[in-house]
Protein backbone atom coordinates (compact mmCIF):
# COMPACT_ATOMS: atom_id res chain seq x y z
CA MET A 1 147.84 131.07 346.93
CA ARG A 2 146.26 132.06 343.62
CA LEU A 3 149.13 130.48 341.64
CA LYS A 4 148.71 127.21 343.57
CA LYS A 5 144.99 127.19 342.76
CA LEU A 6 145.66 127.82 339.06
CA LYS A 7 148.26 125.05 338.90
CA SER A 8 145.84 122.58 340.48
CA ARG A 9 143.37 123.22 337.65
CA GLN A 10 145.85 121.98 335.05
CA PHE A 11 145.34 118.36 336.07
CA ASP A 12 142.29 116.22 336.79
CA GLU A 13 141.84 113.33 339.21
CA THR A 14 144.00 111.12 336.98
CA GLY A 15 146.97 113.46 337.40
CA LEU A 16 146.91 114.14 333.65
CA VAL A 17 146.15 117.31 331.72
CA PRO A 18 142.56 117.11 330.46
CA ASP A 19 142.19 116.69 326.68
CA SER A 20 145.89 115.86 326.22
CA ASP A 21 146.94 112.81 324.22
CA ALA A 22 148.06 111.05 327.42
CA TRP A 23 144.69 111.79 329.03
CA HIS A 24 142.82 110.34 326.04
CA GLU A 25 145.05 107.24 326.02
CA PHE A 26 144.41 106.71 329.75
CA TYR A 27 140.66 106.83 329.23
CA ARG A 28 140.84 104.59 326.14
CA GLY A 29 142.41 102.01 328.44
CA GLN A 30 139.60 102.59 330.93
CA LEU A 31 137.05 102.12 328.14
CA ASP A 32 138.71 98.84 327.11
CA ARG A 33 138.46 97.68 330.73
CA LEU A 34 134.79 98.72 330.85
CA ILE A 35 134.07 96.76 327.66
CA ALA A 36 135.85 93.75 329.20
CA GLY A 37 133.35 93.92 332.06
CA GLU A 38 135.42 95.61 334.73
CA ASP A 39 134.01 98.31 336.95
CA VAL A 40 135.66 101.62 336.03
CA PRO A 41 134.98 105.23 336.96
CA ARG A 42 133.25 107.55 334.54
CA ILE A 43 134.56 108.08 331.03
CA PRO A 44 134.53 111.79 330.06
CA LEU A 45 132.32 112.72 327.13
CA ALA A 46 135.31 114.36 325.38
CA VAL A 47 136.92 110.91 325.12
CA ILE A 48 133.80 109.37 323.59
CA ASP A 49 133.47 112.32 321.20
CA ARG A 50 137.06 111.89 319.99
CA ILE A 51 136.58 108.15 319.43
CA VAL A 52 133.40 108.79 317.42
CA GLU A 53 135.21 111.42 315.32
CA GLU A 54 138.11 109.02 314.66
CA VAL A 55 135.76 106.23 313.62
CA ASP A 56 133.89 108.61 311.30
CA ARG A 57 137.19 109.73 309.72
CA ALA A 58 138.30 106.12 309.30
CA GLU A 59 135.03 105.13 307.64
CA GLN A 60 135.25 108.11 305.29
CA ALA A 61 138.88 107.29 304.45
CA GLU A 62 137.89 103.73 303.59
CA LYS A 63 135.02 104.90 301.37
CA ASP A 64 137.28 107.42 299.61
CA CYS A 65 139.96 104.77 299.13
CA LEU A 66 137.54 102.25 297.66
CA ALA A 67 136.06 104.88 295.36
CA ALA A 68 139.54 105.86 294.14
CA LEU A 69 140.68 102.26 293.59
CA ALA A 70 137.45 100.89 292.09
CA PRO A 71 138.05 102.13 288.54
CA ILE A 72 141.66 100.91 288.61
CA ARG A 73 141.30 97.48 290.19
CA GLY A 74 137.64 96.72 289.89
CA GLN A 75 136.27 95.63 293.23
CA SER A 76 139.15 93.28 294.05
CA GLY A 77 139.68 91.94 297.53
CA HIS A 78 143.21 93.36 297.46
CA ALA A 79 141.90 96.90 297.07
CA MET A 80 139.38 96.35 299.84
CA SER A 81 141.94 94.93 302.26
CA ARG A 82 144.31 97.81 301.49
CA CYS A 83 141.54 100.34 302.11
CA THR A 84 140.53 98.59 305.33
CA GLU A 85 144.16 98.73 306.46
CA LEU A 86 144.22 102.44 305.64
CA SER A 87 141.02 103.10 307.59
CA LEU A 88 142.38 101.21 310.59
CA ALA A 89 145.55 103.31 310.44
CA VAL A 90 143.44 106.47 310.37
CA TRP A 91 141.28 105.27 313.27
CA SER A 92 144.26 104.31 315.43
CA GLY A 93 145.98 107.58 314.69
CA SER A 94 148.90 105.76 313.10
CA LYS A 95 151.29 107.96 311.16
CA ARG A 96 152.75 105.10 309.11
CA ALA A 97 151.36 104.36 305.71
CA PRO A 98 149.80 100.97 305.04
CA ARG A 99 151.94 98.40 303.17
C-alpha cells in the first residue's frame, strides 16, 4: 500500500512528472492556448518561473552578443539580427548555433 501511494506522487493530474521537460512543454502549450483566449486550467508557478528565467537569459545573451560585436562591426543590422537570433535560440532552449 505504501509503495502504491509513493508511486502516485510521481505524477500530477496531467499524468506527467512535475518539473520534467515534458511537464513544462505541456504547460507551455496550455499557456499558448490561454493567450489565444481559450479557457485552460491553472498554470503552475514553476512553469511561469522557468519562462521568466529563460527570457532573462535570452535578453542577457543578446546584450552580451551586441557588446562583443559592437567594436568589430559597429552597430550594423547584421550584428543585431545575429544577436537576436542567438537570444531566440537561448530562449527556446535550442541547442543548435545560429547561422
